[in-house]
C-alpha cells in the first residue's frame, strides 16, 4: 500500500519524451530504496552518474498502513546538483521503504 509519494519535478518536454530512447541524449532515471525504521527521521540521496546533473526527482513511501503518519520533510536537488535528496519521518509503529528517484542528463 502506498501512503505518500512525491512528484517528479521536471520539464514538461522531458516527461513527454521520457519513453523515447533518443529524446535527450545521455538521459537516465536513477533510483535507490531505503528503509526508515519506526520512530526515525532520516535522509538519503540518489546520485546521477558522474558528469550528469539532476533535472528533477521525487519519492514514494511504500509499506505504510492507512493510519501510519509518514511524511517527507524535504525533497530537493542535492547541493552539487548531481542527485536528489529526500528526508522522511516515520511516526508509525513499523518500518517503511522509501524509493528515491532522480532524472539526470549531461
PDB file of N, CA and C in Angstrom:
ATOM      1  N   UNK A   1       0.836  -1.172   0.000  1.00  0.00           N
ATOM      2  CA  UNK A   1       0.000   0.000   0.000  1.00  0.00           C
ATOM      3  C   UNK A   1       0.881   1.235   0.000  1.00  0.00           C
ATOM      4  N   UNK A   2       0.541   2.217  -0.761  1.00  0.00           N
ATOM      5  CA  UNK A   2       1.278   3.458  -0.847  1.00  0.00           C
ATOM      6  C   UNK A   2       0.527   4.528  -0.086  1.00  0.00           C
ATOM      7  N   UNK A   3       1.218   5.189   0.844  1.00  0.00           N
ATOM      8  CA  UNK A   3       0.547   6.248   1.597  1.00  0.00           C
ATOM      9  C   UNK A   3       0.929   7.636   1.113  1.00  0.00           C
ATOM     10  N   UNK A   4       2.108   7.768   0.559  1.00  0.00           N
ATOM     11  CA  UNK A   4       2.521   9.092   0.098  1.00  0.00           C
ATOM     12  C   UNK A   4       3.518   8.941  -1.024  1.00  0.00           C
ATOM     13  N   UNK A   5       3.532   9.882  -1.892  1.00  0.00           N
ATOM     14  CA  UNK A   5       4.563   9.916  -2.920  1.00  0.00           C
ATOM     15  C   UNK A   5       4.784  11.360  -3.336  1.00  0.00           C
ATOM     16  N   UNK A   6       5.979  11.625  -3.809  1.00  0.00           N
ATOM     17  CA  UNK A   6       6.313  12.968  -4.254  1.00  0.00           C
ATOM     18  C   UNK A   6       6.347  13.020  -5.759  1.00  0.00           C
ATOM     19  N   UNK A   7       6.046  14.137  -6.296  1.00  0.00           N
ATOM     20  CA  UNK A   7       6.018  14.307  -7.735  1.00  0.00           C
ATOM     21  C   UNK A   7       7.420  14.370  -8.306  1.00  0.00           C
ATOM     22  N   UNK A   8       7.546  13.844  -9.496  1.00  0.00           N
ATOM     23  CA  UNK A   8       8.774  14.039 -10.241  1.00  0.00           C
ATOM     24  C   UNK A   8       8.701  15.466 -10.780  1.00  0.00           C
ATOM     25  N   UNK A   9       9.687  16.261 -10.421  1.00  0.00           N
ATOM     26  CA  UNK A   9       9.697  17.653 -10.829  1.00  0.00           C
ATOM     27  C   UNK A   9      10.666  17.765 -11.997  1.00  0.00           C
ATOM     28  N   UNK A  10      10.149  18.041 -13.162  1.00  0.00           N
ATOM     29  CA  UNK A  10      10.999  18.130 -14.344  1.00  0.00           C
ATOM     30  C   UNK A  10      10.289  18.966 -15.391  1.00  0.00           C
ATOM     31  N   UNK A  11      11.000  19.229 -16.444  1.00  0.00           N
ATOM     32  CA  UNK A  11      10.430  19.995 -17.534  1.00  0.00           C
ATOM     33  C   UNK A  11       9.417  19.137 -18.276  1.00  0.00           C
ATOM     34  N   UNK A  12       8.325  19.747 -18.727  1.00  0.00           N
ATOM     35  CA  UNK A  12       7.271  19.025 -19.414  1.00  0.00           C
ATOM     36  C   UNK A  12       7.767  18.221 -20.599  1.00  0.00           C
ATOM     37  N   UNK A  13       8.730  18.750 -21.358  1.00  0.00           N
ATOM     38  CA  UNK A  13       9.214  18.020 -22.518  1.00  0.00           C
ATOM     39  C   UNK A  13       9.916  16.746 -22.102  1.00  0.00           C
ATOM     40  N   UNK A  14      10.560  16.729 -20.956  1.00  0.00           N
ATOM     41  CA  UNK A  14      11.246  15.520 -20.503  1.00  0.00           C
ATOM     42  C   UNK A  14      10.235  14.435 -20.184  1.00  0.00           C
ATOM     43  N   UNK A  15       9.173  14.780 -19.483  1.00  0.00           N
ATOM     44  CA  UNK A  15       8.138  13.810 -19.152  1.00  0.00           C
ATOM     45  C   UNK A  15       7.480  13.300 -20.434  1.00  0.00           C
ATOM     46  N   UNK A  16       7.190  14.199 -21.367  1.00  0.00           N
ATOM     47  CA  UNK A  16       6.516  13.810 -22.605  1.00  0.00           C
ATOM     48  C   UNK A  16       7.347  12.851 -23.439  1.00  0.00           C
ATOM     49  N   UNK A  17       8.662  12.996 -23.417  1.00  0.00           N
ATOM     50  CA  UNK A  17       9.520  12.186 -24.268  1.00  0.00           C
ATOM     51  C   UNK A  17      10.357  11.173 -23.501  1.00  0.00           C
ATOM     52  N   UNK A  18      10.074  10.966 -22.224  1.00  0.00           N
ATOM     53  CA  UNK A  18      10.894  10.074 -21.402  1.00  0.00           C
ATOM     54  C   UNK A  18      10.933   8.654 -21.940  1.00  0.00           C
ATOM     55  N   UNK A  19       9.888   8.207 -22.612  1.00  0.00           N
ATOM     56  CA  UNK A  19       9.857   6.848 -23.131  1.00  0.00           C
ATOM     57  C   UNK A  19      10.626   6.672 -24.425  1.00  0.00           C
ATOM     58  N   UNK A  20      11.086   7.736 -25.034  1.00  0.00           N
ATOM     59  CA  UNK A  20      11.816   7.639 -26.287  1.00  0.00           C
ATOM     60  C   UNK A  20      13.310   7.645 -26.022  1.00  0.00           C
ATOM     61  N   UNK A  21      13.998   6.643 -26.533  1.00  0.00           N
ATOM     62  CA  UNK A  21      15.421   6.456 -26.245  1.00  0.00           C
ATOM     63  C   UNK A  21      16.276   7.652 -26.643  1.00  0.00           C
ATOM     64  N   UNK A  22      15.943   8.338 -27.722  1.00  0.00           N
ATOM     65  CA  UNK A  22      16.780   9.429 -28.208  1.00  0.00           C
ATOM     66  C   UNK A  22      16.237  10.811 -27.847  1.00  0.00           C
ATOM     67  N   UNK A  23      15.266  10.899 -26.943  1.00  0.00           N
ATOM     68  CA  UNK A  23      14.660  12.183 -26.605  1.00  0.00           C
ATOM     69  C   UNK A  23      15.695  13.162 -26.068  1.00  0.00           C
ATOM     70  N   UNK A  24      16.495  12.748 -25.122  1.00  0.00           N
ATOM     71  CA  UNK A  24      17.581  13.558 -24.580  1.00  0.00           C
ATOM     72  C   UNK A  24      18.804  12.651 -24.511  1.00  0.00           C
ATOM     73  N   UNK A  25      19.811  12.886 -25.334  1.00  0.00           N
ATOM     74  CA  UNK A  25      20.994  12.031 -25.305  1.00  0.00           C
ATOM     75  C   UNK A  25      21.629  12.000 -23.913  1.00  0.00           C
ATOM     76  N   UNK A  26      21.908  10.819 -23.406  1.00  0.00           N
ATOM     77  CA  UNK A  26      22.547  10.670 -22.112  1.00  0.00           C
ATOM     78  C   UNK A  26      21.602  10.713 -20.926  1.00  0.00           C
ATOM     79  N   UNK A  27      20.295  10.858 -21.189  1.00  0.00           N
ATOM     80  CA  UNK A  27      19.287  10.897 -20.128  1.00  0.00           C
ATOM     81  C   UNK A  27      19.296   9.591 -19.330  1.00  0.00           C
ATOM     82  N   UNK A  28      19.076   9.672 -18.018  1.00  0.00           N
ATOM     83  CA  UNK A  28      18.953   8.470 -17.196  1.00  0.00           C
ATOM     84  C   UNK A  28      17.970   8.703 -16.058  1.00  0.00           C
ATOM     85  N   UNK A  29      17.352   7.620 -15.620  1.00  0.00           N
ATOM     86  CA  UNK A  29      16.436   7.628 -14.486  1.00  0.00           C
ATOM     87  C   UNK A  29      17.058   6.737 -13.425  1.00  0.00           C
ATOM     88  N   UNK A  30      17.416   7.309 -12.269  1.00  0.00           N
ATOM     89  CA  UNK A  30      18.112   6.566 -11.212  1.00  0.00           C
ATOM     90  C   UNK A  30      17.209   6.426  -9.993  1.00  0.00           C
ATOM     91  N   UNK A  31      17.309   5.302  -9.290  1.00  0.00           N
ATOM     92  CA  UNK A  31      16.535   5.103  -8.069  1.00  0.00           C
ATOM     93  C   UNK A  31      17.394   4.438  -7.001  1.00  0.00           C
ATOM     94  N   UNK A  32      17.013   4.663  -5.760  1.00  0.00           N
ATOM     95  CA  UNK A  32      17.574   3.959  -4.613  1.00  0.00           C
ATOM     96  C   UNK A  32      16.425   3.771  -3.632  1.00  0.00           C
ATOM     97  N   UNK A  33      16.419   2.637  -2.924  1.00  0.00           N
ATOM     98  CA  UNK A  33      15.385   2.372  -1.923  1.00  0.00           C
ATOM     99  C   UNK A  33      16.037   2.267  -0.553  1.00  0.00           C
ATOM    100  N   UNK A  34      15.471   2.985   0.412  1.00  0.00           N
ATOM    101  CA  UNK A  34      15.968   2.947   1.785  1.00  0.00           C
ATOM    102  C   UNK A  34      14.841   2.467   2.698  1.00  0.00           C
ATOM    103  N   UNK A  35      15.212   1.993   3.879  1.00  0.00           N
ATOM    104  CA  UNK A  35      14.237   1.599   4.893  1.00  0.00           C
ATOM    105  C   UNK A  35      14.335   2.576   6.049  1.00  0.00           C
ATOM    106  N   UNK A  36      13.181   3.082   6.474  1.00  0.00           N
ATOM    107  CA  UNK A  36      13.120   4.005   7.607  1.00  0.00           C
ATOM    108  C   UNK A  36      12.437   3.267   8.753  1.00  0.00           C
ATOM    109  N   UNK A  37      13.183   3.020   9.818  1.00  0.00           N
ATOM    110  CA  UNK A  37      12.640   2.302  10.969  1.00  0.00           C
ATOM    111  C   UNK A  37      11.573   3.139  11.675  1.00  0.00           C
ATOM    112  N   UNK A  38      10.704   2.459  12.401  1.00  0.00           N
ATOM    113  CA  UNK A  38       9.651   3.131  13.169  1.00  0.00           C
ATOM    114  C   UNK A  38      10.274   4.160  14.107  1.00  0.00           C
ATOM    115  N   UNK A  39       9.690   5.355  14.122  1.00  0.00           N
ATOM    116  CA  UNK A  39      10.154   6.415  15.008  1.00  0.00           C
ATOM    117  C   UNK A  39      11.383   7.162  14.538  1.00  0.00           C
ATOM    118  N   UNK A  40      11.890   6.855  13.357  1.00  0.00           N
ATOM    119  CA  UNK A  40      13.110   7.513  12.859  1.00  0.00           C
ATOM    120  C   UNK A  40      12.811   8.589  11.831  1.00  0.00           C
ATOM    121  N   UNK A  41      13.787   9.472  11.644  1.00  0.00           N
ATOM    122  CA  UNK A  41      13.750  10.540  10.654  1.00  0.00           C
ATOM    123  C   UNK A  41      15.111  10.528   9.974  1.00  0.00           C
ATOM    124  N   UNK A  42      15.158  10.108   8.705  1.00  0.00           N
ATOM    125  CA  UNK A  42      16.442  10.024   8.012  1.00  0.00           C
ATOM    126  C   UNK A  42      16.329  10.612   6.607  1.00  0.00           C
ATOM    127  N   UNK A  43      17.472  10.881   6.033  1.00  0.00           N
ATOM    128  CA  UNK A  43      17.550  11.382   4.671  1.00  0.00           C
ATOM    129  C   UNK A  43      18.516  10.550   3.869  1.00  0.00           C
ATOM    130  N   UNK A  44      18.330  10.551   2.570  1.00  0.00           N
ATOM    131  CA  UNK A  44      19.236   9.844   1.674  1.00  0.00           C
ATOM    132  C   UNK A  44      19.196  10.519   0.312  1.00  0.00           C
ATOM    133  N   UNK A  45      20.180  10.206  -0.506  1.00  0.00           N
ATOM    134  CA  UNK A  45      20.311  10.821  -1.827  1.00  0.00           C
ATOM    135  C   UNK A  45      20.541   9.749  -2.875  1.00  0.00           C
ATOM    136  N   UNK A  46      19.884   9.873  -4.007  1.00  0.00           N
ATOM    137  CA  UNK A  46      20.200   9.066  -5.176  1.00  0.00           C
ATOM    138  C   UNK A  46      21.027   9.981  -6.087  1.00  0.00           C
ATOM    139  N   UNK A  47      22.200   9.508  -6.499  1.00  0.00           N
ATOM    140  CA  UNK A  47      23.117  10.329  -7.283  1.00  0.00           C
ATOM    141  C   UNK A  47      23.070   9.987  -8.763  1.00  0.00           C
ATOM    142  N   UNK A  48      23.313  10.993  -9.575  1.00  0.00           N
ATOM    143  CA  UNK A  48      23.454  10.814 -11.016  1.00  0.00           C
ATOM    144  C   UNK A  48      24.817  10.184 -11.297  1.00  0.00           C
ATOM    145  N   UNK A  49      24.939   9.596 -12.476  1.00  0.00           N
ATOM    146  CA  UNK A  49      26.229   9.114 -12.921  1.00  0.00           C
ATOM    147  C   UNK A  49      27.175  10.309 -13.019  1.00  0.00           C
ATOM    148  N   UNK A  50      28.454  10.091 -12.742  1.00  0.00           N
ATOM    149  CA  UNK A  50      29.424  11.180 -12.752  1.00  0.00           C
ATOM    150  C   UNK A  50      29.357  11.969 -14.057  1.00  0.00           C
ATOM    151  N   UNK A  51      29.333  13.288 -13.933  1.00  0.00           N
ATOM    152  CA  UNK A  51      29.295  14.180 -15.088  1.00  0.00           C
ATOM    153  C   UNK A  51      27.891  14.594 -15.500  1.00  0.00           C
ATOM    154  N   UNK A  52      26.870  14.030 -14.854  1.00  0.00           N
ATOM    155  CA  UNK A  52      25.489  14.397 -15.183  1.00  0.00           C
ATOM    156  C   UNK A  52      24.898  15.232 -14.063  1.00  0.00           C
ATOM    157  N   UNK A  53      23.890  16.014 -14.395  1.00  0.00           N
ATOM    158  CA  UNK A  53      23.200  16.878 -13.435  1.00  0.00           C
ATOM    159  C   UNK A  53      21.747  16.442 -13.321  1.00  0.00           C
ATOM    160  N   UNK A  54      21.163  16.685 -12.164  1.00  0.00           N
ATOM    161  CA  UNK A  54      19.782  16.303 -11.924  1.00  0.00           C
ATOM    162  C   UNK A  54      18.827  17.329 -12.546  1.00  0.00           C
ATOM    163  N   UNK A  55      17.798  16.838 -13.231  1.00  0.00           N
ATOM    164  CA  UNK A  55      16.760  17.703 -13.794  1.00  0.00           C
ATOM    165  C   UNK A  55      15.533  17.736 -12.885  1.00  0.00           C
ATOM    166  N   UNK A  56      15.346  16.678 -12.090  1.00  0.00           N
ATOM    167  CA  UNK A  56      14.204  16.585 -11.196  1.00  0.00           C
ATOM    168  C   UNK A  56      14.246  15.288 -10.428  1.00  0.00           C
ATOM    169  N   UNK A  57      13.313  15.116  -9.504  1.00  0.00           N
ATOM    170  CA  UNK A  57      13.288  13.902  -8.711  1.00  0.00           C
ATOM    171  C   UNK A  57      12.039  13.813  -7.867  1.00  0.00           C
ATOM    172  N   UNK A  58      11.975  12.780  -7.046  1.00  0.00           N
ATOM    173  CA  UNK A  58      10.817  12.588  -6.195  1.00  0.00           C
ATOM    174  C   UNK A  58      10.994  11.370  -5.314  1.00  0.00           C
ATOM    175  N   UNK A  59       9.894  10.899  -4.717  1.00  0.00           N
ATOM    176  CA  UNK A  59       9.957   9.786  -3.779  1.00  0.00           C
ATOM    177  C   UNK A  59       8.629   9.054  -3.743  1.00  0.00           C
ATOM    178  N   UNK A  60       8.657   7.844  -3.184  1.00  0.00           N
ATOM    179  CA  UNK A  60       7.464   7.040  -2.986  1.00  0.00           C
ATOM    180  C   UNK A  60       7.634   6.294  -1.672  1.00  0.00           C
ATOM    181  N   UNK A  61       6.737   6.507  -0.703  1.00  0.00           N
ATOM    182  CA  UNK A  61       6.787   5.807   0.581  1.00  0.00           C
ATOM    183  C   UNK A  61       5.928   4.560   0.453  1.00  0.00           C
ATOM    184  N   UNK A  62       6.535   3.384   0.668  1.00  0.00           N
ATOM    185  CA  UNK A  62       5.856   2.106   0.477  1.00  0.00           C
ATOM    186  C   UNK A  62       5.780   1.331   1.780  1.00  0.00           C
ATOM    187  N   UNK A  63       4.717   0.555   1.942  1.00  0.00           N
ATOM    188  CA  UNK A  63       4.602  -0.338   3.085  1.00  0.00           C
ATOM    189  C   UNK A  63       3.921   0.267   4.291  1.00  0.00           C
ATOM    190  N   UNK A  64       3.395   1.448   4.168  1.00  0.00           N
ATOM    191  CA  UNK A  64       2.736   2.098   5.295  1.00  0.00           C
ATOM    192  C   UNK A  64       1.243   1.792   5.262  1.00  0.00           C
ATOM    193  N   UNK A  65       0.669   1.630   6.421  1.00  0.00           N
ATOM    194  CA  UNK A  65      -0.771   1.430   6.524  1.00  0.00           C
ATOM    195  C   UNK A  65      -1.503   2.756   6.398  1.00  0.00           C
ATOM    196  N   UNK A  66      -2.810   2.724   6.249  1.00  0.00           N
ATOM    197  CA  UNK A  66      -3.575   3.952   6.049  1.00  0.00           C
ATOM    198  C   UNK A  66      -3.546   4.901   7.249  1.00  0.00           C
ATOM    199  N   UNK A  67      -3.251   4.390   8.433  1.00  0.00           N
ATOM    200  CA  UNK A  67      -3.229   5.248   9.613  1.00  0.00           C
ATOM    201  C   UNK A  67      -1.810   5.560  10.079  1.00  0.00           C
ATOM    202  N   UNK A  68      -0.806   5.123   9.318  1.00  0.00           N
ATOM    203  CA  UNK A  68       0.583   5.337   9.714  1.00  0.00           C
ATOM    204  C   UNK A  68       1.045   6.702   9.220  1.00  0.00           C
ATOM    205  N   UNK A  69       1.334   7.640  10.116  1.00  0.00           N
ATOM    206  CA  UNK A  69       1.657   9.021   9.731  1.00  0.00           C
ATOM    207  C   UNK A  69       3.114   9.196   9.294  1.00  0.00           C
ATOM    208  N   UNK A  70       3.400   8.925   8.042  1.00  0.00           N
ATOM    209  CA  UNK A  70       4.732   9.105   7.480  1.00  0.00           C
ATOM    210  C   UNK A  70       4.700  10.279   6.527  1.00  0.00           C
ATOM    211  N   UNK A  71       5.797  10.993   6.460  1.00  0.00           N
ATOM    212  CA  UNK A  71       5.836  12.091   5.513  1.00  0.00           C
ATOM    213  C   UNK A  71       7.272  12.504   5.222  1.00  0.00           C
ATOM    214  N   UNK A  72       7.443  13.104   4.060  1.00  0.00           N
ATOM    215  CA  UNK A  72       8.742  13.649   3.682  1.00  0.00           C
ATOM    216  C   UNK A  72       8.846  15.056   4.249  1.00  0.00           C
ATOM    217  N   UNK A  73       9.955  15.339   4.888  1.00  0.00           N
ATOM    218  CA  UNK A  73      10.160  16.683   5.421  1.00  0.00           C
ATOM    219  C   UNK A  73      10.912  17.556   4.434  1.00  0.00           C
ATOM    220  N   UNK A  74      11.617  16.922   3.480  1.00  0.00           N
ATOM    221  CA  UNK A  74      12.318  17.660   2.422  1.00  0.00           C
ATOM    222  C   UNK A  74      12.434  16.769   1.198  1.00  0.00           C
ATOM    223  N   UNK A  75      12.375  17.365   0.018  1.00  0.00           N
ATOM    224  CA  UNK A  75      12.594  16.683  -1.252  1.00  0.00           C
ATOM    225  C   UNK A  75      13.151  17.746  -2.187  1.00  0.00           C
ATOM    226  N   UNK A  76      14.451  17.641  -2.533  1.00  0.00           N
ATOM    227  CA  UNK A  76      15.124  18.719  -3.253  1.00  0.00           C
ATOM    228  C   UNK A  76      16.380  18.214  -3.948  1.00  0.00           C
ATOM    229  N   UNK A  77      16.920  18.997  -4.897  1.00  0.00           N
ATOM    230  CA  UNK A  77      18.181  18.616  -5.528  1.00  0.00           C
ATOM    231  C   UNK A  77      19.305  18.584  -4.489  1.00  0.00           C
ATOM    232  N   UNK A  78      20.258  17.671  -4.687  1.00  0.00           N
ATOM    233  CA  UNK A  78      21.444  17.628  -3.827  1.00  0.00           C
ATOM    234  C   UNK A  78      22.239  18.917  -4.021  1.00  0.00           C
ATOM    235  N   UNK A  79      23.056  19.254  -3.046  1.00  0.00           N
ATOM    236  CA  UNK A  79      23.758  20.544  -3.067  1.00  0.00           C
ATOM    237  C   UNK A  79      24.640  20.728  -4.296  1.00  0.00           C
ATOM    238  N   UNK A  80      25.186  19.671  -4.858  1.00  0.00           N
ATOM    239  CA  UNK A  80      26.020  19.794  -6.052  1.00  0.00           C
ATOM    240  C   UNK A  80      25.252  19.643  -7.344  1.00  0.00           C
ATOM    241  N   UNK A  81      23.898  19.626  -7.254  1.00  0.00           N
ATOM    242  CA  UNK A  81      23.034  19.440  -8.426  1.00  0.00           C
ATOM    243  C   UNK A  81      23.326  18.125  -9.143  1.00  0.00           C
ATOM    244  N   UNK A  82      23.870  17.136  -8.405  1.00  0.00           N
ATOM    245  CA  UNK A  82      24.240  15.854  -9.000  1.00  0.00           C
ATOM    246  C   UNK A  82      23.405  14.694  -8.465  1.00  0.00           C
ATOM    247  N   UNK A  83      22.243  14.989  -7.878  1.00  0.00           N
ATOM    248  CA  UNK A  83      21.366  13.952  -7.343  1.00  0.00           C
ATOM    249  C   UNK A  83      20.136  14.561  -6.702  1.00  0.00           C
ATOM    250  N   UNK A  84      19.288  13.695  -6.143  1.00  0.00           N
ATOM    251  CA  UNK A  84      18.058  14.140  -5.491  1.00  0.00           C
ATOM    252  C   UNK A  84      18.053  13.637  -4.057  1.00  0.00           C
ATOM    253  N   UNK A  85      17.740  14.538  -3.114  1.00  0.00           N
ATOM    254  CA  UNK A  85      17.756  14.236  -1.691  1.00  0.00           C
ATOM    255  C   UNK A  85      16.334  14.254  -1.128  1.00  0.00           C
ATOM    256  N   UNK A  86      16.028  13.269  -0.272  1.00  0.00           N
ATOM    257  CA  UNK A  86      14.724  13.214   0.396  1.00  0.00           C
ATOM    258  C   UNK A  86      14.947  12.880   1.865  1.00  0.00           C
ATOM    259  N   UNK A  87      14.263  13.594   2.751  1.00  0.00           N
ATOM    260  CA  UNK A  87      14.249  13.291   4.185  1.00  0.00           C
ATOM    261  C   UNK A  87      12.848  12.813   4.529  1.00  0.00           C
ATOM    262  N   UNK A  88      12.760  11.707   5.282  1.00  0.00           N
ATOM    263  CA  UNK A  88      11.467  11.123   5.620  1.00  0.00           C
ATOM    264  C   UNK A  88      11.371  10.887   7.120  1.00  0.00           C
ATOM    265  N   UNK A  89      10.214  11.210   7.678  1.00  0.00           N
ATOM    266  CA  UNK A  89       9.907  10.933   9.085  1.00  0.00           C
ATOM    267  C   UNK A  89       8.895   9.797   9.121  1.00  0.00           C
ATOM    268  N   UNK A  90       9.205   8.767   9.932  1.00  0.00           N
ATOM    269  CA  UNK A  90       8.300   7.636  10.119  1.00  0.00           C
ATOM    270  C   UNK A  90       7.797   7.673  11.552  1.00  0.00           C
ATOM    271  N   UNK A  91       6.599   8.156  11.750  1.00  0.00           N
ATOM    272  CA  UNK A  91       5.994   8.217  13.080  1.00  0.00           C
ATOM    273  C   UNK A  91       5.171   6.979  13.401  1.00  0.00           C
ATOM    274  N   UNK A  92       5.156   6.013  12.485  1.00  0.00           N
ATOM    275  CA  UNK A  92       4.349   4.814  12.675  1.00  0.00           C
ATOM    276  C   UNK A  92       5.053   3.733  13.479  1.00  0.00           C
ATOM    277  N   UNK A  93       4.353   2.620  13.721  1.00  0.00           N
ATOM    278  CA  UNK A  93       4.876   1.531  14.538  1.00  0.00           C
ATOM    279  C   UNK A  93       5.707   0.503  13.773  1.00  0.00           C
ATOM    280  N   UNK A  94       5.802   0.626  12.447  1.00  0.00           N
ATOM    281  CA  UNK A  94       6.560  -0.355  11.665  1.00  0.00           C
ATOM    282  C   UNK A  94       7.419   0.346  10.617  1.00  0.00           C
ATOM    283  N   UNK A  95       8.476  -0.339  10.138  1.00  0.00           N
ATOM    284  CA  UNK A  95       9.348   0.284   9.138  1.00  0.00           C
ATOM    285  C   UNK A  95       8.626   0.502   7.802  1.00  0.00           C
ATOM    286  N   UNK A  96       9.111   1.473   7.045  1.00  0.00           N
ATOM    287  CA  UNK A  96       8.607   1.723   5.692  1.00  0.00           C
ATOM    288  C   UNK A  96       9.796   1.787   4.736  1.00  0.00           C
ATOM    289  N   UNK A  97       9.515   1.529   3.474  1.00  0.00           N
ATOM    290  CA  UNK A  97      10.529   1.618   2.427  1.00  0.00           C
ATOM    291  C   UNK A  97      10.245   2.876   1.612  1.00  0.00           C
ATOM    292  N   UNK A  98      11.304   3.589   1.282  1.00  0.00           N
ATOM    293  CA  UNK A  98      11.171   4.814   0.508  1.00  0.00           C
ATOM    294  C   UNK A  98      12.022   4.698  -0.740  1.00  0.00           C
ATOM    295  N   UNK A  99      11.379   4.805  -1.896  1.00  0.00           N
ATOM    296  CA  UNK A  99      12.109   4.805  -3.153  1.00  0.00           C
ATOM    297  C   UNK A  99      12.341   6.255  -3.555  1.00  0.00           C
ATOM    298  N   UNK A 100      13.607   6.610  -3.743  1.00  0.00           N
ATOM    299  CA  UNK A 100      14.001   7.968  -4.149  1.00  0.00           C
ATOM    300  C   UNK A 100      14.411   7.886  -5.618  1.00  0.00           C
ATOM    301  N   UNK A 101      13.919   8.813  -6.422  1.00  0.00           N
ATOM    302  CA  UNK A 101      14.188   8.797  -7.865  1.00  0.00           C
ATOM    303  C   UNK A 101      14.791  10.116  -8.314  1.00  0.00           C
ATOM    304  N   UNK A 102      15.624  10.033  -9.357  1.00  0.00           N
ATOM    305  CA  UNK A 102      16.216  11.225  -9.964  1.00  0.00           C
ATOM    306  C   UNK A 102      16.244  11.075 -11.474  1.00  0.00           C
ATOM    307  N   UNK A 103      15.962  12.159 -12.162  1.00  0.00           N
ATOM    308  CA  UNK A 103      16.107  12.233 -13.619  1.00  0.00           C
ATOM    309  C   UNK A 103      17.363  13.042 -13.883  1.00  0.00           C
ATOM    310  N   UNK A 104      18.297  12.463 -14.614  1.00  0.00           N
ATOM    311  CA  UNK A 104      19.604  13.093 -14.839  1.00  0.00           C
ATOM    312  C   UNK A 104      19.929  13.169 -16.326  1.00  0.00           C
ATOM    313  N   UNK A 105      20.767  14.129 -16.698  1.00  0.00           N
ATOM    314  CA  UNK A 105      21.230  14.280 -18.076  1.00  0.00           C
ATOM    315  C   UNK A 105      22.550  15.044 -18.056  1.00  0.00           C
ATOM    316  N   UNK A 106      23.322  14.909 -19.133  1.00  0.00           N
ATOM    317  CA  UNK A 106      24.601  15.639 -19.195  1.00  0.00           C
ATOM    318  C   UNK A 106      24.397  17.149 -19.263  1.00  0.00           C
TER     319      UNK A 106
END
